[in-house]
């Protein structure tokens, strides 16, 4: 996995978790769902990069 793609995936995951937690704390369902979506996007990016690495070998 390239370093910048790995970093981008981790950043998206962290931002998503932060938004989700903040949304839960203040009772904002929209913010919570945005956080879940962003975390899922980071998970998907990470999975894509891992698949690319598998086929490189």
N, C-alpha and C. Protein backbone atom coordinates (compact mmCIF):
# COMPACT_ATOMS: atom_id res chain seq x y z
N UNK A 1 0.86 -1.17 0.00
CA UNK A 1 0.00 0.00 0.00
C UNK A 1 0.91 1.23 0.00
N UNK A 2 0.63 2.15 -0.91
CA UNK A 2 1.46 3.35 -0.95
C UNK A 2 1.23 4.18 0.32
N UNK A 3 2.26 4.87 0.72
CA UNK A 3 2.20 5.62 1.98
C UNK A 3 1.11 6.69 1.99
N UNK A 4 0.99 7.44 0.89
CA UNK A 4 0.00 8.52 0.90
C UNK A 4 -1.42 7.98 0.86
N UNK A 5 -1.65 6.88 0.16
CA UNK A 5 -2.98 6.27 0.14
C UNK A 5 -3.31 5.66 1.50
N UNK A 6 -2.30 5.05 2.12
CA UNK A 6 -2.51 4.49 3.45
C UNK A 6 -2.83 5.59 4.45
N UNK A 7 -2.10 6.68 4.36
CA UNK A 7 -2.35 7.82 5.24
C UNK A 7 -3.73 8.42 5.02
N UNK A 8 -4.13 8.51 3.75
CA UNK A 8 -5.44 9.06 3.43
C UNK A 8 -6.55 8.18 3.99
N UNK A 9 -6.38 6.86 3.88
CA UNK A 9 -7.38 5.93 4.40
C UNK A 9 -7.48 6.06 5.93
N UNK A 10 -6.36 6.12 6.59
CA UNK A 10 -6.36 6.24 8.06
C UNK A 10 -6.96 7.57 8.50
N UNK A 11 -6.67 8.63 7.75
CA UNK A 11 -7.22 9.94 8.07
C UNK A 11 -8.74 9.94 7.94
N UNK A 12 -9.23 9.35 6.85
CA UNK A 12 -10.68 9.28 6.66
C UNK A 12 -11.34 8.46 7.76
N UNK A 13 -10.72 7.36 8.13
CA UNK A 13 -11.27 6.53 9.20
C UNK A 13 -11.32 7.30 10.51
N UNK A 14 -10.25 8.00 10.83
CA UNK A 14 -10.19 8.75 12.09
C UNK A 14 -11.20 9.90 12.11
N UNK A 15 -11.28 10.65 11.00
CA UNK A 15 -12.23 11.75 10.92
C UNK A 15 -13.66 11.23 11.03
N UNK A 16 -13.91 10.09 10.41
CA UNK A 16 -15.25 9.52 10.47
C UNK A 16 -15.62 9.11 11.88
N UNK A 17 -14.71 8.48 12.57
CA UNK A 17 -14.97 8.08 13.95
C UNK A 17 -15.19 9.29 14.84
N UNK A 18 -14.40 10.34 14.61
CA UNK A 18 -14.54 11.56 15.39
C UNK A 18 -15.91 12.20 15.15
N UNK A 19 -16.31 12.30 13.90
CA UNK A 19 -17.62 12.87 13.58
C UNK A 19 -18.75 12.04 14.18
N UNK A 20 -18.61 10.72 14.07
CA UNK A 20 -19.64 9.84 14.62
C UNK A 20 -19.78 10.02 16.12
N UNK A 21 -18.66 10.06 16.81
CA UNK A 21 -18.66 10.24 18.26
C UNK A 21 -19.23 11.61 18.65
N UNK A 22 -18.81 12.64 17.93
CA UNK A 22 -19.31 13.99 18.23
C UNK A 22 -20.82 14.05 17.99
N UNK A 23 -21.28 13.43 16.92
CA UNK A 23 -22.71 13.41 16.63
C UNK A 23 -23.50 12.71 17.72
N UNK A 24 -22.96 11.63 18.23
CA UNK A 24 -23.64 10.91 19.32
C UNK A 24 -23.68 11.75 20.59
N UNK A 25 -22.57 12.43 20.88
CA UNK A 25 -22.51 13.22 22.10
C UNK A 25 -23.51 14.36 22.11
N UNK A 26 -23.68 15.01 20.97
CA UNK A 26 -24.60 16.15 20.92
C UNK A 26 -25.99 15.75 20.44
N UNK A 27 -26.17 14.50 20.08
CA UNK A 27 -27.49 14.04 19.65
C UNK A 27 -27.83 14.44 18.22
N UNK A 28 -26.83 14.64 17.39
CA UNK A 28 -27.03 15.04 16.00
C UNK A 28 -26.93 13.80 15.11
N UNK A 29 -28.06 13.30 14.64
CA UNK A 29 -28.09 12.08 13.85
C UNK A 29 -27.40 12.28 12.49
N UNK A 30 -27.53 13.47 11.90
CA UNK A 30 -26.91 13.72 10.60
C UNK A 30 -25.39 13.63 10.71
N UNK A 31 -24.83 14.23 11.75
CA UNK A 31 -23.39 14.18 11.95
C UNK A 31 -22.92 12.75 12.22
N UNK A 32 -23.71 12.01 12.97
CA UNK A 32 -23.39 10.61 13.25
C UNK A 32 -23.35 9.80 11.96
N UNK A 33 -24.34 9.97 11.10
CA UNK A 33 -24.37 9.20 9.86
C UNK A 33 -23.28 9.65 8.89
N UNK A 34 -22.95 10.93 8.87
CA UNK A 34 -21.84 11.41 8.05
C UNK A 34 -20.53 10.77 8.51
N UNK A 35 -20.37 10.66 9.81
CA UNK A 35 -19.17 10.04 10.36
C UNK A 35 -19.07 8.58 9.99
N UNK A 36 -20.18 7.87 10.06
CA UNK A 36 -20.17 6.46 9.66
C UNK A 36 -19.81 6.32 8.19
N UNK A 37 -20.37 7.19 7.36
CA UNK A 37 -20.09 7.13 5.92
C UNK A 37 -18.63 7.42 5.63
N UNK A 38 -18.08 8.39 6.30
CA UNK A 38 -16.68 8.74 6.07
C UNK A 38 -15.75 7.62 6.54
N UNK A 39 -16.07 7.01 7.66
CA UNK A 39 -15.26 5.89 8.15
C UNK A 39 -15.35 4.72 7.18
N UNK A 40 -16.53 4.47 6.64
CA UNK A 40 -16.70 3.39 5.66
C UNK A 40 -15.92 3.67 4.39
N UNK A 41 -15.86 4.92 3.99
CA UNK A 41 -15.09 5.31 2.81
C UNK A 41 -13.60 5.02 3.04
N UNK A 42 -13.12 5.34 4.24
CA UNK A 42 -11.73 5.04 4.58
C UNK A 42 -11.46 3.55 4.62
N UNK A 43 -12.42 2.78 5.14
CA UNK A 43 -12.28 1.33 5.15
C UNK A 43 -12.20 0.77 3.74
N UNK A 44 -13.05 1.29 2.85
CA UNK A 44 -13.07 0.83 1.46
C UNK A 44 -11.76 1.17 0.76
N UNK A 45 -11.24 2.38 1.01
CA UNK A 45 -9.97 2.78 0.40
C UNK A 45 -8.84 1.86 0.87
N UNK A 46 -8.85 1.54 2.16
CA UNK A 46 -7.82 0.66 2.71
C UNK A 46 -7.93 -0.73 2.10
N UNK A 47 -9.14 -1.25 1.97
CA UNK A 47 -9.33 -2.58 1.38
C UNK A 47 -8.87 -2.60 -0.08
N UNK A 48 -9.16 -1.53 -0.81
CA UNK A 48 -8.74 -1.44 -2.21
C UNK A 48 -7.22 -1.50 -2.32
N UNK A 49 -6.56 -0.76 -1.47
CA UNK A 49 -5.10 -0.73 -1.51
C UNK A 49 -4.50 -2.09 -1.12
N UNK A 50 -5.12 -2.75 -0.18
CA UNK A 50 -4.63 -4.08 0.21
C UNK A 50 -4.80 -5.07 -0.94
N UNK A 51 -5.91 -4.96 -1.67
CA UNK A 51 -6.12 -5.85 -2.82
C UNK A 51 -5.08 -5.57 -3.90
N UNK A 52 -4.77 -4.30 -4.14
CA UNK A 52 -3.75 -3.96 -5.11
C UNK A 52 -2.41 -4.55 -4.71
N UNK A 53 -2.09 -4.51 -3.42
CA UNK A 53 -0.83 -5.07 -2.94
C UNK A 53 -0.79 -6.58 -3.12
N UNK A 54 -1.93 -7.23 -2.91
CA UNK A 54 -1.98 -8.69 -3.07
C UNK A 54 -1.67 -9.09 -4.50
N UNK A 55 -2.20 -8.34 -5.46
CA UNK A 55 -1.99 -8.72 -6.86
C UNK A 55 -0.65 -8.27 -7.42
N UNK A 56 0.07 -7.41 -6.71
CA UNK A 56 1.40 -7.01 -7.13
C UNK A 56 2.39 -8.16 -6.97
N UNK A 57 2.15 -8.97 -5.99
CA UNK A 57 3.12 -10.03 -5.65
C UNK A 57 3.03 -11.18 -6.56
